[in-house]
Each structure stands twice: as C-alpha cells, then as structure tokens.
Amino acid sequence: SKSSNYPSQYIGVNAEVKNSMISEGSKIEGTVIN
C-alpha cells in the first residue's frame, strides 16, 4: 500500500489494548478491545 509516513503509535500509561490492530500515528489513552 501507499506509505503514510506517520510516526510510531503511542500507547498511554493508563491505556489497555487487547486483541486489536493499532496502526501508525495513532494515540491510545483508553481501552481498545477486539
């Protein structure tokens, strides 16, 4: 695919991620499930 040139993803100290796909340039502070 065409490259987006985003920086790396950011997962916050209080974030929770389970069984998910997190792409470049995204910032996660909350809970992401499936």
PDB file of all heavy atoms in Angstrom:
ATOM      1  N   SER A   1       0.834  -1.191   0.000  1.00  0.00           N
ATOM      2  CA  SER A   1       0.000   0.000   0.000  1.00  0.00           C
ATOM      3  C   SER A   1       0.872   1.246   0.000  1.00  0.00           C
ATOM      4  O   SER A   1       2.086   1.178   0.258  1.00  0.00           O
ATOM      5  CB  SER A   1      -0.929   0.009   1.227  1.00  0.00           C
ATOM      6  OG  SER A   1      -1.878   1.059   1.123  1.00  0.00           O
ATOM      7  N   LYS A   2       0.265   2.357  -0.268  1.00  0.00           N
ATOM      8  CA  LYS A   2       0.957   3.639  -0.227  1.00  0.00           C
ATOM      9  C   LYS A   2       1.371   3.950   1.207  1.00  0.00           C
ATOM     10  O   LYS A   2       0.586   3.838   2.129  1.00  0.00           O
ATOM     11  CB  LYS A   2       0.029   4.739  -0.754  1.00  0.00           C
ATOM     12  CG  LYS A   2       0.635   6.128  -0.774  1.00  0.00           C
ATOM     13  CD  LYS A   2      -0.379   7.130  -1.307  1.00  0.00           C
ATOM     14  CE  LYS A   2       0.170   8.550  -1.291  1.00  0.00           C
ATOM     15  NZ  LYS A   2      -0.844   9.524  -1.783  1.00  0.00           N
ATOM     16  N   SER A   3       2.627   4.358   1.385  1.00  0.00           N
ATOM     17  CA  SER A   3       3.128   4.663   2.726  1.00  0.00           C
ATOM     18  C   SER A   3       2.546   5.975   3.229  1.00  0.00           C
ATOM     19  O   SER A   3       2.436   6.954   2.486  1.00  0.00           O
ATOM     20  CB  SER A   3       4.653   4.761   2.708  1.00  0.00           C
ATOM     21  OG  SER A   3       5.150   5.154   3.968  1.00  0.00           O
ATOM     22  N   SER A   4       2.155   5.983   4.503  1.00  0.00           N
ATOM     23  CA  SER A   4       1.522   7.173   5.081  1.00  0.00           C
ATOM     24  C   SER A   4       2.514   8.107   5.756  1.00  0.00           C
ATOM     25  O   SER A   4       2.208   9.261   6.025  1.00  0.00           O
ATOM     26  CB  SER A   4       0.472   6.742   6.106  1.00  0.00           C
ATOM     27  OG  SER A   4       1.091   5.980   7.126  1.00  0.00           O
ATOM     28  N   ASN A   5       3.703   7.599   6.086  1.00  0.00           N
ATOM     29  CA  ASN A   5       4.746   8.391   6.750  1.00  0.00           C
ATOM     30  C   ASN A   5       4.317   8.957   8.100  1.00  0.00           C
ATOM     31  O   ASN A   5       4.749  10.033   8.506  1.00  0.00           O
ATOM     32  CB  ASN A   5       5.216   9.534   5.839  1.00  0.00           C
ATOM     33  CG  ASN A   5       5.898   9.028   4.580  1.00  0.00           C
ATOM     34  OD1 ASN A   5       6.687   8.083   4.635  1.00  0.00           O
ATOM     35  ND2 ASN A   5       5.580   9.626   3.450  1.00  0.00           N
ATOM     36  N   TYR A   6       3.446   8.245   8.802  1.00  0.00           N
ATOM     37  CA  TYR A   6       3.084   8.629  10.162  1.00  0.00           C
ATOM     38  C   TYR A   6       4.178   8.190  11.136  1.00  0.00           C
ATOM     39  O   TYR A   6       4.914   7.241  10.856  1.00  0.00           O
ATOM     40  CB  TYR A   6       1.770   7.971  10.578  1.00  0.00           C
ATOM     41  CG  TYR A   6       0.525   8.688  10.125  1.00  0.00           C
ATOM     42  CD1 TYR A   6      -0.163   8.296   8.976  1.00  0.00           C
ATOM     43  CD2 TYR A   6       0.006   9.748  10.868  1.00  0.00           C
ATOM     44  CE1 TYR A   6      -1.320   8.947   8.572  1.00  0.00           C
ATOM     45  CE2 TYR A   6      -1.155  10.402  10.467  1.00  0.00           C
ATOM     46  CZ  TYR A   6      -1.805  10.003   9.324  1.00  0.00           C
ATOM     47  OH  TYR A   6      -2.943  10.650   8.935  1.00  0.00           O
ATOM     48  N   PRO A   7       4.279   8.850  12.291  1.00  0.00           N
ATOM     49  CA  PRO A   7       5.207   8.357  13.321  1.00  0.00           C
ATOM     50  C   PRO A   7       4.662   7.083  13.958  1.00  0.00           C
ATOM     51  O   PRO A   7       3.549   6.636  13.652  1.00  0.00           O
ATOM     52  CB  PRO A   7       5.236   9.505  14.337  1.00  0.00           C
ATOM     53  CG  PRO A   7       3.905  10.169  14.178  1.00  0.00           C
ATOM     54  CD  PRO A   7       3.576  10.068  12.715  1.00  0.00           C
ATOM     55  N   SER A   8       5.431   6.505  14.869  1.00  0.00           N
ATOM     56  CA  SER A   8       5.009   5.280  15.541  1.00  0.00           C
ATOM     57  C   SER A   8       3.757   5.530  16.386  1.00  0.00           C
ATOM     58  O   SER A   8       3.471   6.656  16.804  1.00  0.00           O
ATOM     59  CB  SER A   8       6.134   4.756  16.438  1.00  0.00           C
ATOM     60  OG  SER A   8       7.273   4.437  15.674  1.00  0.00           O
ATOM     61  N   GLN A   9       3.012   4.475  16.646  1.00  0.00           N
ATOM     62  CA  GLN A   9       1.844   4.548  17.521  1.00  0.00           C
ATOM     63  C   GLN A   9       2.268   4.925  18.941  1.00  0.00           C
ATOM     64  O   GLN A   9       3.401   4.664  19.352  1.00  0.00           O
ATOM     65  CB  GLN A   9       1.125   3.201  17.536  1.00  0.00           C
ATOM     66  CG  GLN A   9       2.024   2.090  18.057  1.00  0.00           C
ATOM     67  CD  GLN A   9       1.389   0.724  18.015  1.00  0.00           C
ATOM     68  OE1 GLN A   9       1.293   0.073  19.036  1.00  0.00           O
ATOM     69  NE2 GLN A   9       0.970   0.282  16.841  1.00  0.00           N
ATOM     70  N   TYR A  10       1.333   5.513  19.692  1.00  0.00           N
ATOM     71  CA  TYR A  10       1.600   5.845  21.097  1.00  0.00           C
ATOM     72  C   TYR A  10       0.537   5.183  21.966  1.00  0.00           C
ATOM     73  O   TYR A  10      -0.663   5.365  21.738  1.00  0.00           O
ATOM     74  CB  TYR A  10       1.579   7.358  21.322  1.00  0.00           C
ATOM     75  CG  TYR A  10       1.633   7.736  22.785  1.00  0.00           C
ATOM     76  CD1 TYR A  10       2.823   7.681  23.501  1.00  0.00           C
ATOM     77  CD2 TYR A  10       0.474   8.121  23.468  1.00  0.00           C
ATOM     78  CE1 TYR A  10       2.871   8.010  24.847  1.00  0.00           C
ATOM     79  CE2 TYR A  10       0.502   8.457  24.815  1.00  0.00           C
ATOM     80  CZ  TYR A  10       1.710   8.395  25.496  1.00  0.00           C
ATOM     81  OH  TYR A  10       1.751   8.710  26.834  1.00  0.00           O
ATOM     82  N   ILE A  11       0.966   4.388  22.937  1.00  0.00           N
ATOM     83  CA  ILE A  11       0.064   3.744  23.877  1.00  0.00           C
ATOM     84  C   ILE A  11       0.306   4.368  25.252  1.00  0.00           C
ATOM     85  O   ILE A  11       1.402   4.252  25.815  1.00  0.00           O
ATOM     86  CB  ILE A  11       0.298   2.219  23.957  1.00  0.00           C
ATOM     87  CG1 ILE A  11       0.312   1.601  22.542  1.00  0.00           C
ATOM     88  CG2 ILE A  11      -0.749   1.568  24.839  1.00  0.00           C
ATOM     89  CD1 ILE A  11      -0.991   1.677  21.815  1.00  0.00           C
ATOM     90  N   GLY A  12      -0.694   5.069  25.802  1.00  0.00           N
ATOM     91  CA  GLY A  12      -0.556   5.792  27.062  1.00  0.00           C
ATOM     92  C   GLY A  12      -0.364   4.881  28.265  1.00  0.00           C
ATOM     93  O   GLY A  12      -0.649   3.679  28.213  1.00  0.00           O
ATOM     94  N   VAL A  13       0.078   5.475  29.368  1.00  0.00           N
ATOM     95  CA  VAL A  13       0.400   4.716  30.573  1.00  0.00           C
ATOM     96  C   VAL A  13      -0.825   4.023  31.159  1.00  0.00           C
ATOM     97  O   VAL A  13      -0.718   2.957  31.770  1.00  0.00           O
ATOM     98  CB  VAL A  13       1.080   5.639  31.613  1.00  0.00           C
ATOM     99  CG1 VAL A  13       0.115   6.738  32.089  1.00  0.00           C
ATOM    100  CG2 VAL A  13       1.612   4.832  32.796  1.00  0.00           C
ATOM    101  N   ASN A  14      -1.999   4.606  30.975  1.00  0.00           N
ATOM    102  CA  ASN A  14      -3.226   4.008  31.515  1.00  0.00           C
ATOM    103  C   ASN A  14      -4.056   3.301  30.441  1.00  0.00           C
ATOM    104  O   ASN A  14      -5.178   2.875  30.706  1.00  0.00           O
ATOM    105  CB  ASN A  14      -4.081   5.087  32.189  1.00  0.00           C
ATOM    106  CG  ASN A  14      -3.395   5.668  33.420  1.00  0.00           C
ATOM    107  OD1 ASN A  14      -2.829   4.930  34.223  1.00  0.00           O
ATOM    108  ND2 ASN A  14      -3.449   6.989  33.557  1.00  0.00           N
ATOM    109  N   ALA A  15      -3.514   3.180  29.255  1.00  0.00           N
ATOM    110  CA  ALA A  15      -4.243   2.540  28.158  1.00  0.00           C
ATOM    111  C   ALA A  15      -4.250   1.023  28.320  1.00  0.00           C
ATOM    112  O   ALA A  15      -3.369   0.439  28.951  1.00  0.00           O
ATOM    113  CB  ALA A  15      -3.609   2.914  26.826  1.00  0.00           C
ATOM    114  N   GLU A  16      -5.253   0.391  27.725  1.00  0.00           N
ATOM    115  CA  GLU A  16      -5.350  -1.064  27.716  1.00  0.00           C
ATOM    116  C   GLU A  16      -5.769  -1.508  26.323  1.00  0.00           C
ATOM    117  O   GLU A  16      -6.786  -1.044  25.801  1.00  0.00           O
ATOM    118  CB  GLU A  16      -6.367  -1.546  28.751  1.00  0.00           C
ATOM    119  CG  GLU A  16      -6.473  -3.067  28.848  1.00  0.00           C
ATOM    120  CD  GLU A  16      -7.470  -3.521  29.893  1.00  0.00           C
ATOM    121  OE1 GLU A  16      -8.120  -2.656  30.521  1.00  0.00           O
ATOM    122  OE2 GLU A  16      -7.616  -4.741  30.084  1.00  0.00           O
ATOM    123  N   VAL A  17      -4.979  -2.385  25.735  1.00  0.00           N
ATOM    124  CA  VAL A  17      -5.259  -2.851  24.376  1.00  0.00           C
ATOM    125  C   VAL A  17      -5.245  -4.377  24.364  1.00  0.00           C
ATOM    126  O   VAL A  17      -4.278  -4.997  24.800  1.00  0.00           O
ATOM    127  CB  VAL A  17      -4.211  -2.314  23.377  1.00  0.00           C
ATOM    128  CG1 VAL A  17      -4.491  -2.867  21.977  1.00  0.00           C
ATOM    129  CG2 VAL A  17      -4.213  -0.793  23.352  1.00  0.00           C
ATOM    130  N   LYS A  18      -6.336  -4.984  23.858  1.00  0.00           N
ATOM    131  CA  LYS A  18      -6.436  -6.437  23.783  1.00  0.00           C
ATOM    132  C   LYS A  18      -6.907  -6.860  22.387  1.00  0.00           C
ATOM    133  O   LYS A  18      -7.891  -6.330  21.875  1.00  0.00           O
ATOM    134  CB  LYS A  18      -7.422  -6.972  24.831  1.00  0.00           C
ATOM    135  CG  LYS A  18      -6.971  -6.814  26.277  1.00  0.00           C
ATOM    136  CD  LYS A  18      -7.986  -7.421  27.227  1.00  0.00           C
ATOM    137  CE  LYS A  18      -7.536  -7.301  28.679  1.00  0.00           C
ATOM    138  NZ  LYS A  18      -8.525  -7.898  29.620  1.00  0.00           N
ATOM    139  N   ASN A  19      -6.185  -7.814  21.807  1.00  0.00           N
ATOM    140  CA  ASN A  19      -6.567  -8.424  20.531  1.00  0.00           C
ATOM    141  C   ASN A  19      -7.031  -7.382  19.519  1.00  0.00           C
ATOM    142  O   ASN A  19      -8.128  -7.448  18.970  1.00  0.00           O
ATOM    143  CB  ASN A  19      -7.674  -9.465  20.733  1.00  0.00           C
ATOM    144  CG  ASN A  19      -7.840 -10.348  19.497  1.00  0.00           C
ATOM    145  OD1 ASN A  19      -6.854 -10.813  18.929  1.00  0.00           O
ATOM    146  ND2 ASN A  19      -9.077 -10.578  19.080  1.00  0.00           N
ATOM    147  N   SER A  20      -6.178  -6.418  19.250  1.00  0.00           N
ATOM    148  CA  SER A  20      -6.525  -5.325  18.349  1.00  0.00           C
ATOM    149  C   SER A  20      -5.365  -5.007  17.420  1.00  0.00           C
ATOM    150  O   SER A  20      -4.219  -5.378  17.690  1.00  0.00           O
ATOM    151  CB  SER A  20      -6.908  -4.077  19.153  1.00  0.00           C
ATOM    152  OG  SER A  20      -8.055  -4.309  19.944  1.00  0.00           O
ATOM    153  N   MET A  21      -5.667  -4.320  16.318  1.00  0.00           N
ATOM    154  CA  MET A  21      -4.644  -3.846  15.393  1.00  0.00           C
ATOM    155  C   MET A  21      -4.572  -2.331  15.525  1.00  0.00           C
ATOM    156  O   MET A  21      -5.573  -1.636  15.300  1.00  0.00           O
ATOM    157  CB  MET A  21      -4.980  -4.261  13.962  1.00  0.00           C
ATOM    158  CG  MET A  21      -4.994  -5.772  13.768  1.00  0.00           C
ATOM    159  SD  MET A  21      -5.490  -6.295  12.093  1.00  0.00           S
ATOM    160  CE  MET A  21      -4.058  -5.789  11.148  1.00  0.00           C
ATOM    161  N   ILE A  22      -3.399  -1.832  15.895  1.00  0.00           N
ATOM    162  CA  ILE A  22      -3.193  -0.400  16.126  1.00  0.00           C
ATOM    163  C   ILE A  22      -2.198   0.103  15.090  1.00  0.00           C
ATOM    164  O   ILE A  22      -1.052  -0.350  15.051  1.00  0.00           O
ATOM    165  CB  ILE A  22      -2.656  -0.122  17.545  1.00  0.00           C
ATOM    166  CG1 ILE A  22      -3.493  -0.879  18.598  1.00  0.00           C
ATOM    167  CG2 ILE A  22      -2.635   1.370  17.811  1.00  0.00           C
ATOM    168  CD1 ILE A  22      -4.933  -0.443  18.696  1.00  0.00           C
ATOM    169  N   SER A  23      -2.618   1.035  14.255  1.00  0.00           N
ATOM    170  CA  SER A  23      -1.780   1.480  13.143  1.00  0.00           C
ATOM    171  C   SER A  23      -0.894   2.662  13.515  1.00  0.00           C
ATOM    172  O   SER A  23      -1.048   3.283  14.572  1.00  0.00           O
ATOM    173  CB  SER A  23      -2.656   1.845  11.940  1.00  0.00           C
ATOM    174  OG  SER A  23      -3.318   0.701  11.456  1.00  0.00           O
ATOM    175  N   GLU A  24       0.025   2.972  12.612  1.00  0.00           N
ATOM    176  CA  GLU A  24       0.977   4.057  12.819  1.00  0.00           C
ATOM    177  C   GLU A  24       0.262   5.391  13.041  1.00  0.00           C
ATOM    178  O   GLU A  24      -0.795   5.655  12.483  1.00  0.00           O
ATOM    179  CB  GLU A  24       1.887   4.186  11.601  1.00  0.00           C
ATOM    180  CG  GLU A  24       2.736   2.963  11.309  1.00  0.00           C
ATOM    181  CD  GLU A  24       3.475   3.090   9.997  1.00  0.00           C
ATOM    182  OE1 GLU A  24       2.994   3.839   9.125  1.00  0.00           O
ATOM    183  OE2 GLU A  24       4.516   2.445   9.835  1.00  0.00           O
ATOM    184  N   GLY A  25       0.888   6.228  13.862  1.00  0.00           N
ATOM    185  CA  GLY A  25       0.381   7.575  14.058  1.00  0.00           C
ATOM    186  C   GLY A  25      -0.807   7.689  14.983  1.00  0.00           C
ATOM    187  O   GLY A  25      -1.308   8.787  15.222  1.00  0.00           O
ATOM    188  N   SER A  26      -1.291   6.565  15.511  1.00  0.00           N
ATOM    189  CA  SER A  26      -2.445   6.606  16.412  1.00  0.00           C
ATOM    190  C   SER A  26      -1.978   6.796  17.851  1.00  0.00           C
ATOM    191  O   SER A  26      -0.873   6.407  18.227  1.00  0.00           O
ATOM    192  CB  SER A  26      -3.277   5.327  16.287  1.00  0.00           C
ATOM    193  OG  SER A  26      -2.462   4.185  16.450  1.00  0.00           O
ATOM    194  N   LYS A  27      -2.851   7.415  18.661  1.00  0.00           N
ATOM    195  CA  LYS A  27      -2.574   7.670  20.075  1.00  0.00           C
ATOM    196  C   LYS A  27      -3.690   7.061  20.911  1.00  0.00           C
ATOM    197  O   LYS A  27      -4.860   7.403  20.725  1.00  0.00           O
ATOM    198  CB  LYS A  27      -2.487   9.168  20.337  1.00  0.00           C
ATOM    199  CG  LYS A  27      -1.395   9.883  19.543  1.00  0.00           C
ATOM    200  CD  LYS A  27      -1.412  11.377  19.822  1.00  0.00           C
ATOM    201  CE  LYS A  27      -0.339  12.106  19.006  1.00  0.00           C
ATOM    202  NZ  LYS A  27      -0.376  13.570  19.260  1.00  0.00           N
ATOM    203  N   ILE A  28      -3.330   6.158  21.803  1.00  0.00           N
ATOM    204  CA  ILE A  28      -4.313   5.434  22.607  1.00  0.00           C
ATOM    205  C   ILE A  28      -4.133   5.790  24.083  1.00  0.00           C
ATOM    206  O   ILE A  28      -3.083   5.523  24.668  1.00  0.00           O
ATOM    207  CB  ILE A  28      -4.174   3.912  22.431  1.00  0.00           C
ATOM    208  CG1 ILE A  28      -4.055   3.528  20.948  1.00  0.00           C
ATOM    209  CG2 ILE A  28      -5.340   3.193  23.100  1.00  0.00           C
ATOM    210  CD1 ILE A  28      -5.254   3.835  20.112  1.00  0.00           C
ATOM    211  N   GLU A  29      -5.164   6.379  24.674  1.00  0.00           N
ATOM    212  CA  GLU A  29      -5.158   6.678  26.114  1.00  0.00           C
ATOM    213  C   GLU A  29      -6.191   5.839  26.861  1.00  0.00           C
ATOM    214  O   GLU A  29      -6.134   5.721  28.080  1.00  0.00           O
ATOM    215  CB  GLU A  29      -5.454   8.165  26.347  1.00  0.00           C
ATOM    216  CG  GLU A  29      -4.462   9.133  25.733  1.00  0.00           C
ATOM    217  CD  GLU A  29      -3.182   9.282  26.540  1.00  0.00           C
ATOM    218  OE1 GLU A  29      -3.043   8.584  27.574  1.00  0.00           O
ATOM    219  OE2 GLU A  29      -2.320  10.080  26.139  1.00  0.00           O
ATOM    220  N   GLY A  30      -7.144   5.248  26.131  1.00  0.00           N
ATOM    221  CA  GLY A  30      -8.223   4.499  26.757  1.00  0.00           C
ATOM    222  C   GLY A  30      -8.101   3.004  26.551  1.00  0.00           C
ATOM    223  O   GLY A  30      -7.003   2.464  26.406  1.00  0.00           O
ATOM    224  N   THR A  31      -9.254   2.310  26.506  1.00  0.00           N
ATOM    225  CA  THR A  31      -9.302   0.851  26.379  1.00  0.00           C
ATOM    226  C   THR A  31      -9.784   0.465  24.984  1.00  0.00           C
ATOM    227  O   THR A  31     -10.820   0.960  24.519  1.00  0.00           O
ATOM    228  CB  THR A  31     -10.245   0.257  27.440  1.00  0.00           C
ATOM    229  OG1 THR A  31      -9.735   0.560  28.740  1.00  0.00           O
ATOM    230  CG2 THR A  31     -10.357  -1.247  27.286  1.00  0.00           C
ATOM    231  N   VAL A  32      -9.046  -0.418  24.333  1.00  0.00           N
ATOM    232  CA  VAL A  32      -9.392  -0.894  22.999  1.00  0.00           C
ATOM    233  C   VAL A  32      -9.412  -2.416  23.025  1.00  0.00           C
ATOM    234  O   VAL A  32      -8.397  -3.049  23.324  1.00  0.00           O
ATOM    235  CB  VAL A  32      -8.388  -0.397  21.941  1.00  0.00           C
ATOM    236  CG1 VAL A  32      -8.759  -0.943  20.570  1.00  0.00           C
ATOM    237  CG2 VAL A  32      -8.336   1.129  21.909  1.00  0.00           C
ATOM    238  N   ILE A  33     -10.571  -3.011  22.713  1.00  0.00           N
ATOM    239  CA  ILE A  33     -10.735  -4.456  22.770  1.00  0.00           C
ATOM    240  C   ILE A  33     -11.280  -4.959  21.435  1.00  0.00           C
ATOM    241  O   ILE A  33     -12.316  -4.488  20.955  1.00  0.00           O
ATOM    242  CB  ILE A  33     -11.702  -4.862  23.907  1.00  0.00           C
ATOM    243  CG1 ILE A  33     -11.190  -4.352  25.257  1.00  0.00           C
ATOM    244  CG2 ILE A  33     -11.888  -6.374  23.951  1.00  0.00           C
ATOM    245  CD1 ILE A  33     -12.179  -4.508  26.388  1.00  0.00           C
ATOM    246  N   ASN A  34     -10.566  -5.904  20.836  1.00  0.00           N
ATOM    247  CA  ASN A  34     -11.044  -6.562  19.610  1.00  0.00           C
ATOM    248  C   ASN A  34     -11.471  -5.536  18.553  1.00  0.00           C
ATOM    249  O   ASN A  34     -12.565  -5.607  18.002  1.00  0.00           O
ATOM    250  CB  ASN A  34     -12.209  -7.504  19.923  1.00  0.00           C
ATOM    251  CG  ASN A  34     -12.333  -8.621  18.894  1.00  0.00           C
ATOM    252  OD1 ASN A  34     -11.408  -9.402  18.726  1.00  0.00           O
ATOM    253  ND2 ASN A  34     -13.460  -8.675  18.209  1.00  0.00           N
TER     254      ASN A  34
END
